[in-house]
Amino acid sequence: MYSSDIIFVVFLMSPICIGFVGNSLLFMLYMYTFFTQSHLKKPIDLIFIHLTLVNVFTILFRLIPDVMSSFGVRHFLDDVGCKATLYTYRVTRGLSICTTSLLSAFQAITISPSTSKWTWLKSKMSTCMFPSFLFFWIVNMLIYIHIIKTVEAKNNVTITGSGYSQLYCQAKQLEQQYSIALFSVMMIRDLLFVVLMMSSSIYMVNLLYKHSRRAQHVHSFSLPSQPSPEIKATHNILSLVSCFVFFYCSNDFFTLYLFYRPEKNPSLERITGIISACYPTICPFVLMKNNKIISKFISSISKMRIIFSPRTFSR
């Protein structure tokens, strides 16, 4: 194994280990809250559960082939494996943008004042959750159905021309009209959900700015009050949206470059995989900042450390 392969293995294994553990832990905590802690259950928890599940699949199906390639495994995926791996990755990546947009819109509606024109949506959000998830799955599965028809295992021939290409898989070159139609559909989906995400984020920033102005006015002669849980959750979601937009746009840039690059570069394909895993790896740790169960668990651990500290026994 070359030194460059060792470096790639380290960078590829880090998001697999960290991201998989973080998302799995958060998924189990939300499932535990959903089924056993009814007093802590909120409608937004369903979005978090769906997002963490999508993140796990995105990380695994995108990075495991890259890791195997870095270890020198040659024929890791056959035709069926390539179709399943690439199709699942593209669908879950599409679900990631849809779910993050839904999360941003949900939080914007939640913190909107009672005088807002969006107030009527608050009572209907919980009933629209599962239909929204079903719609997202159907749309993304239909968009990438061509992968099942066109993707195959990569042979020993050097691939040239535009098209999907990963370390073990390749796609047949699409007809120009079909390629244009496919990219048009994906661009419409991306623009629709990114615009929804950014509009919700701008709306939340505006509400937070007005809230801070009122708080400064009210507490100008007193001690500053602690921000409410809703404000903390909004800050976390805004941070999540910022990370998503940055990494999503970066990944799209590299993906388009590799798609239209005449000769495929394995190193660039691995870098693209690392970038695509950054958001699902960071996501659970941003969401953990406002999780009540984790806060209670950390506080209980802190209390136990104080109780069982050496100073306690030395008295």
Protein backbone atom coordinates (compact mmCIF):
# COMPACT_ATOMS: atom_id res chain seq x y z
CA MET A 1 0.00 0.00 0.00
CA TYR A 2 1.37 3.39 -1.00
CA SER A 3 1.64 6.30 1.44
CA SER A 4 -1.05 8.19 -0.49
CA ASP A 5 -3.40 5.22 -0.07
CA ILE A 6 -2.72 5.18 3.70
CA ILE A 7 -3.60 8.88 3.89
CA PHE A 8 -6.82 8.29 1.98
CA VAL A 9 -7.70 5.34 4.24
CA VAL A 10 -7.32 7.56 7.33
CA PHE A 11 -9.47 10.32 5.83
CA LEU A 12 -12.07 7.84 4.59
CA MET A 13 -12.28 5.80 7.79
CA SER A 14 -12.67 8.89 9.99
CA PRO A 15 -16.13 9.92 8.68
CA ILE A 16 -17.21 6.27 8.55
CA CYS A 17 -16.37 5.71 12.23
CA ILE A 18 -17.29 9.15 13.59
CA GLY A 19 -20.32 9.74 11.37
CA PHE A 20 -21.72 6.23 11.72
CA VAL A 21 -21.38 6.24 15.51
CA GLY A 22 -22.77 9.79 15.86
CA ASN A 23 -25.78 9.23 13.62
CA SER A 24 -26.51 5.78 15.08
CA LEU A 25 -26.35 7.14 18.64
CA LEU A 26 -28.64 10.04 17.79
CA PHE A 27 -31.02 7.75 15.90
CA MET A 28 -31.33 5.42 18.92
CA LEU A 29 -31.83 8.36 21.29
CA TYR A 30 -34.63 9.83 19.18
CA MET A 31 -36.24 6.41 18.80
CA TYR A 32 -35.99 5.93 22.58
CA THR A 33 -37.58 9.35 23.12
CA PHE A 34 -40.27 8.67 20.54
CA PHE A 35 -41.39 5.36 22.09
CA THR A 36 -40.70 5.74 25.82
CA GLN A 37 -40.38 9.44 26.72
CA SER A 38 -43.75 10.77 25.60
CA HIS A 39 -43.34 14.01 27.56
CA LEU A 40 -40.18 14.86 25.58
CA LYS A 41 -41.53 13.77 22.20
CA LYS A 42 -41.94 16.49 19.56
CA PRO A 43 -43.07 16.35 15.91
CA ILE A 44 -39.66 17.59 14.77
CA ASP A 45 -38.10 14.41 16.21
CA LEU A 46 -39.46 12.48 13.21
CA ILE A 47 -37.41 14.71 10.90
CA PHE A 48 -34.30 14.11 13.00
CA ILE A 49 -34.89 10.34 12.91
CA HIS A 50 -35.27 10.38 9.14
CA LEU A 51 -32.23 12.62 8.67
CA THR A 52 -29.92 10.48 10.83
CA LEU A 53 -31.06 7.32 9.03
CA VAL A 54 -30.39 8.93 5.64
CA ASN A 55 -26.97 10.09 6.86
CA VAL A 56 -25.94 6.56 7.85
CA PHE A 57 -26.81 5.13 4.44
CA THR A 58 -25.10 8.04 2.65
CA ILE A 59 -21.84 7.55 4.54
CA LEU A 60 -21.73 3.76 4.20
CA PHE A 61 -22.72 3.44 0.55
CA ARG A 62 -20.45 6.29 -0.54
CA LEU A 63 -17.25 5.59 1.38
CA ILE A 64 -16.98 1.82 1.84
CA PRO A 65 -16.11 1.21 -1.87
CA ASP A 66 -13.46 3.95 -1.64
CA VAL A 67 -11.96 2.34 1.47
CA MET A 68 -11.82 -1.08 -0.19
CA SER A 69 -10.14 0.46 -3.22
CA SER A 70 -7.54 2.15 -1.01
CA PHE A 71 -6.77 -1.26 0.55
CA GLY A 72 -6.08 -2.60 -2.93
CA VAL A 73 -9.20 -4.75 -3.36
CA ARG A 74 -9.81 -4.90 -7.09
CA HIS A 75 -13.14 -6.54 -7.90
CA PHE A 76 -15.16 -5.54 -4.85
CA LEU A 77 -18.47 -4.85 -6.66
CA ASP A 78 -20.10 -6.64 -9.57
CA ASP A 79 -22.85 -5.21 -11.79
CA VAL A 80 -25.59 -5.76 -9.22
CA GLY A 81 -23.44 -4.35 -6.41
CA CYS A 82 -22.63 -1.25 -8.45
CA LYS A 83 -26.27 -0.63 -9.28
CA ALA A 84 -27.38 -1.08 -5.66
CA THR A 85 -24.52 0.95 -4.14
CA LEU A 86 -24.63 3.93 -6.48
CA TYR A 87 -28.43 4.00 -6.62
CA THR A 88 -28.78 3.91 -2.82
CA TYR A 89 -26.13 6.61 -2.38
CA ARG A 90 -27.69 8.97 -4.91
CA VAL A 91 -31.20 8.46 -3.50
CA THR A 92 -30.12 9.03 0.12
CA ARG A 93 -28.09 12.08 -0.90
CA GLY A 94 -31.19 13.49 -2.57
CA LEU A 95 -33.20 12.69 0.54
CA SER A 96 -30.65 14.62 2.58
CA ILE A 97 -31.37 17.91 0.82
CA CYS A 98 -35.14 17.28 0.99
CA THR A 99 -35.08 16.45 4.71
CA THR A 100 -32.81 19.37 5.61
CA SER A 101 -35.12 21.73 3.72
CA LEU A 102 -38.12 20.29 5.55
CA LEU A 103 -36.29 20.71 8.87
CA SER A 104 -35.53 24.36 8.11
CA ALA A 105 -39.11 25.09 7.04
CA PHE A 106 -40.53 23.24 10.04
CA GLN A 107 -38.43 25.25 12.49
CA ALA A 108 -39.29 28.53 10.75
CA ILE A 109 -43.00 27.78 11.11
CA THR A 110 -42.51 26.67 14.73
CA ILE A 111 -40.89 29.93 15.88
CA SER A 112 -43.13 32.19 13.77
CA PRO A 113 -45.25 34.57 15.90
CA SER A 114 -48.97 34.01 16.36
CA THR A 115 -49.68 37.00 14.11
CA SER A 116 -47.77 35.47 11.20
CA LYS A 117 -49.55 34.27 8.06
CA TRP A 118 -47.89 30.85 8.59
CA THR A 119 -49.66 30.23 11.90
CA TRP A 120 -52.33 28.03 10.29
CA LEU A 121 -49.61 25.54 9.30
CA LYS A 122 -48.55 24.82 12.90
CA SER A 123 -51.52 22.56 13.59
CA LYS A 124 -51.03 20.63 10.34
CA MET A 125 -47.28 20.02 10.46
CA SER A 126 -47.42 16.74 12.37
CA THR A 127 -49.98 15.24 9.98
CA CYS A 128 -47.94 16.23 6.91
CA MET A 129 -44.74 14.55 8.12
CA PHE A 130 -45.15 11.00 6.81
CA PRO A 131 -46.70 12.09 3.47
CA SER A 132 -43.70 14.41 3.00
CA PHE A 133 -41.24 11.58 3.63
CA LEU A 134 -43.12 9.32 1.21
CA PHE A 135 -43.10 12.06 -1.44
CA PHE A 136 -39.35 12.59 -0.99
CA TRP A 137 -38.61 8.87 -1.37
CA ILE A 138 -40.76 8.47 -4.49
CA VAL A 139 -39.33 11.56 -6.21
CA ASN A 140 -35.69 10.66 -5.57
CA MET A 141 -36.15 7.00 -6.46
CA LEU A 142 -37.71 8.01 -9.77
CA ILE A 143 -35.03 10.61 -10.56
CA TYR A 144 -32.21 8.07 -10.24
CA ILE A 145 -33.96 5.07 -11.79
CA HIS A 146 -31.65 5.41 -14.81
CA ILE A 147 -28.72 4.26 -12.64
CA ILE A 148 -30.20 0.76 -12.48
CA LYS A 149 -30.26 0.63 -16.28
CA THR A 150 -26.92 2.23 -17.10
CA VAL A 151 -24.44 1.48 -14.28
CA GLU A 152 -22.20 -1.57 -14.48
CA ALA A 153 -18.97 -2.81 -12.91
CA LYS A 154 -15.84 -1.17 -14.25
CA ASN A 155 -13.71 -3.37 -16.49
CA ASN A 156 -10.01 -3.01 -17.27
CA VAL A 157 -10.63 -0.56 -20.10
CA THR A 158 -9.84 3.09 -19.37
CA ILE A 159 -13.07 5.05 -19.30
CA THR A 160 -13.24 8.26 -21.27
CA GLY A 161 -16.08 10.66 -21.89
CA SER A 162 -18.77 12.08 -19.64
CA GLY A 163 -20.82 9.95 -17.28
CA TYR A 164 -21.00 8.53 -13.78
CA SER A 165 -17.77 6.87 -12.71
CA GLN A 166 -16.58 5.58 -9.37
CA LEU A 167 -13.65 3.41 -8.43
CA TYR A 168 -15.51 0.15 -9.10
CA CYS A 169 -18.40 1.32 -11.25
CA GLN A 170 -19.05 3.14 -14.47
CA ALA A 171 -22.09 4.27 -16.43
CA LYS A 172 -22.77 4.01 -20.09
CA GLN A 173 -22.69 7.32 -21.90
CA LEU A 174 -26.14 8.83 -22.06
CA GLU A 175 -27.70 10.32 -25.13
CA GLN A 176 -27.44 14.10 -25.18
CA GLN A 177 -31.18 14.70 -25.00
CA TYR A 178 -31.62 12.22 -22.13
CA SER A 179 -28.62 13.70 -20.29
CA ILE A 180 -30.01 17.22 -20.60
CA ALA A 181 -33.45 16.10 -19.37
CA LEU A 182 -31.90 14.26 -16.40
CA PHE A 183 -29.83 17.22 -15.30
CA SER A 184 -32.79 19.54 -15.74
CA VAL A 185 -34.88 17.42 -13.36
CA MET A 186 -32.06 17.31 -10.77
CA MET A 187 -31.46 21.06 -11.07
CA ILE A 188 -35.16 21.79 -10.59
CA ARG A 189 -35.22 19.59 -7.49
CA ASP A 190 -32.06 21.16 -6.06
CA LEU A 191 -33.15 24.73 -6.77
CA LEU A 192 -36.61 24.12 -5.31
CA PHE A 193 -35.35 22.72 -2.02
CA VAL A 194 -32.33 25.04 -1.72
CA VAL A 195 -34.60 28.06 -2.25
CA LEU A 196 -36.98 26.69 0.40
CA MET A 197 -34.05 26.11 2.75
CA MET A 198 -32.53 29.54 2.23
CA SER A 199 -35.89 31.33 2.45
CA SER A 200 -36.66 29.60 5.75
CA SER A 201 -33.18 30.42 7.04
CA ILE A 202 -33.47 34.10 6.10
CA TYR A 203 -36.88 34.21 7.76
CA MET A 204 -35.46 32.68 10.96
CA VAL A 205 -32.47 35.05 10.98
CA ASN A 206 -34.85 37.97 10.65
CA LEU A 207 -36.97 36.70 13.56
CA LEU A 208 -33.86 36.14 15.71
CA TYR A 209 -32.63 39.65 14.92
CA LYS A 210 -35.96 41.18 15.95
CA HIS A 211 -35.99 39.02 19.10
CA SER A 212 -32.48 40.15 20.06
CA ARG A 213 -33.44 43.80 19.54
CA ARG A 214 -36.45 43.40 21.85
CA ALA A 215 -34.37 41.48 24.40
CA GLN A 216 -31.72 44.23 24.46
CA HIS A 217 -34.42 46.82 25.01
CA VAL A 218 -36.17 44.90 27.79
CA HIS A 219 -33.01 43.79 29.60
CA SER A 220 -30.95 46.93 29.11
CA PHE A 221 -30.98 47.64 32.85
CA SER A 222 -30.98 44.06 34.10
CA LEU A 223 -29.00 40.86 33.75
CA PRO A 224 -29.31 39.22 30.34
CA SER A 225 -31.69 36.28 30.24
CA GLN A 226 -30.80 32.83 28.91
CA PRO A 227 -31.99 32.08 25.37
CA SER A 228 -35.04 29.84 25.14
CA PRO A 229 -34.81 26.25 23.87
CA GLU A 230 -36.54 27.34 20.66
CA ILE A 231 -33.85 29.97 20.04
CA LYS A 232 -31.09 27.44 20.71
CA ALA A 233 -32.69 24.95 18.33
CA THR A 234 -32.99 27.63 15.67
CA HIS A 235 -29.29 28.48 16.01
CA ASN A 236 -28.41 24.80 15.61
CA ILE A 237 -30.56 24.39 12.52
CA LEU A 238 -29.11 27.54 10.96
CA SER A 239 -25.63 26.13 11.57
CA LEU A 240 -26.75 22.85 10.02
CA VAL A 241 -28.13 24.60 6.94
CA SER A 242 -24.90 26.59 6.51
CA CYS A 243 -22.82 23.40 6.65
CA PHE A 244 -25.15 21.68 4.23
CA VAL A 245 -25.06 24.46 1.63
CA PHE A 246 -21.26 24.69 1.77
CA PHE A 247 -20.54 20.96 1.49
CA TYR A 248 -23.38 20.29 -0.96
CA CYS A 249 -22.18 22.99 -3.36
CA SER A 250 -18.56 21.82 -3.03
CA ASN A 251 -19.56 18.23 -3.72
CA ASP A 252 -21.66 19.26 -6.72
CA PHE A 253 -18.72 21.17 -8.17
CA PHE A 254 -16.40 18.14 -7.95
CA THR A 255 -19.11 15.76 -9.17
CA LEU A 256 -19.85 17.84 -12.26
CA TYR A 257 -16.15 18.23 -12.94
CA LEU A 258 -15.62 14.47 -12.78
CA PHE A 259 -18.78 13.83 -14.80
CA TYR A 260 -17.56 15.86 -17.76
CA ARG A 261 -13.85 15.13 -17.35
CA PRO A 262 -12.61 13.02 -20.31
CA GLU A 263 -10.36 10.85 -18.12
CA LYS A 264 -11.37 9.75 -14.66
CA ASN A 265 -9.02 10.36 -11.71
CA PRO A 266 -9.27 7.90 -8.76
CA SER A 267 -7.75 10.42 -6.31
CA LEU A 268 -10.33 13.07 -7.22
CA GLU A 269 -13.08 10.47 -6.86
CA ARG A 270 -11.90 9.69 -3.31
CA ILE A 271 -11.72 13.42 -2.46
CA THR A 272 -15.29 13.82 -3.75
CA GLY A 273 -16.34 10.95 -1.49
CA ILE A 274 -14.72 12.58 1.55
CA ILE A 275 -16.44 15.90 0.82
CA SER A 276 -19.81 14.19 0.32
CA ALA A 277 -19.47 12.56 3.76
CA CYS A 278 -18.62 15.77 5.63
CA TYR A 279 -22.19 16.98 6.12
CA PRO A 280 -23.69 13.64 7.30
CA THR A 281 -20.70 13.28 9.65
CA ILE A 282 -21.02 16.75 11.22
CA CYS A 283 -24.84 16.73 11.28
CA PRO A 284 -25.46 14.54 14.39
CA PHE A 285 -23.02 16.50 16.55
CA VAL A 286 -24.72 19.79 15.66
CA LEU A 287 -28.10 18.29 16.56
CA MET A 288 -26.78 16.84 19.84
CA LYS A 289 -26.19 20.33 21.21
CA ASN A 290 -29.92 20.79 21.85
CA ASN A 291 -30.93 17.25 22.80
CA LYS A 292 -32.39 17.12 26.31
CA ILE A 293 -31.58 13.44 26.88
CA ILE A 294 -27.92 13.97 26.00
CA SER A 295 -27.81 17.06 28.23
CA LYS A 296 -29.22 15.06 31.13
CA PHE A 297 -26.80 12.20 30.42
CA ILE A 298 -23.80 14.57 30.38
CA SER A 299 -24.97 16.32 33.56
CA SER A 300 -25.40 12.94 35.31
CA ILE A 301 -21.89 11.92 34.27
CA SER A 302 -20.55 15.23 35.60
CA LYS A 303 -22.29 14.65 38.93
CA MET A 304 -20.87 11.13 39.13
CA ARG A 305 -17.38 12.47 38.44
CA ILE A 306 -17.80 14.96 41.28
CA ILE A 307 -19.11 12.30 43.66
CA PHE A 308 -16.37 9.78 42.88
CA SER A 309 -13.52 12.27 42.59
CA PRO A 310 -10.40 11.64 44.72
CA ARG A 311 -11.05 14.77 46.77
CA THR A 312 -14.39 13.34 47.92
CA PHE A 313 -12.76 10.19 49.32
CA SER A 314 -9.81 12.06 50.83
CA ARG A 315 -12.03 14.00 53.19
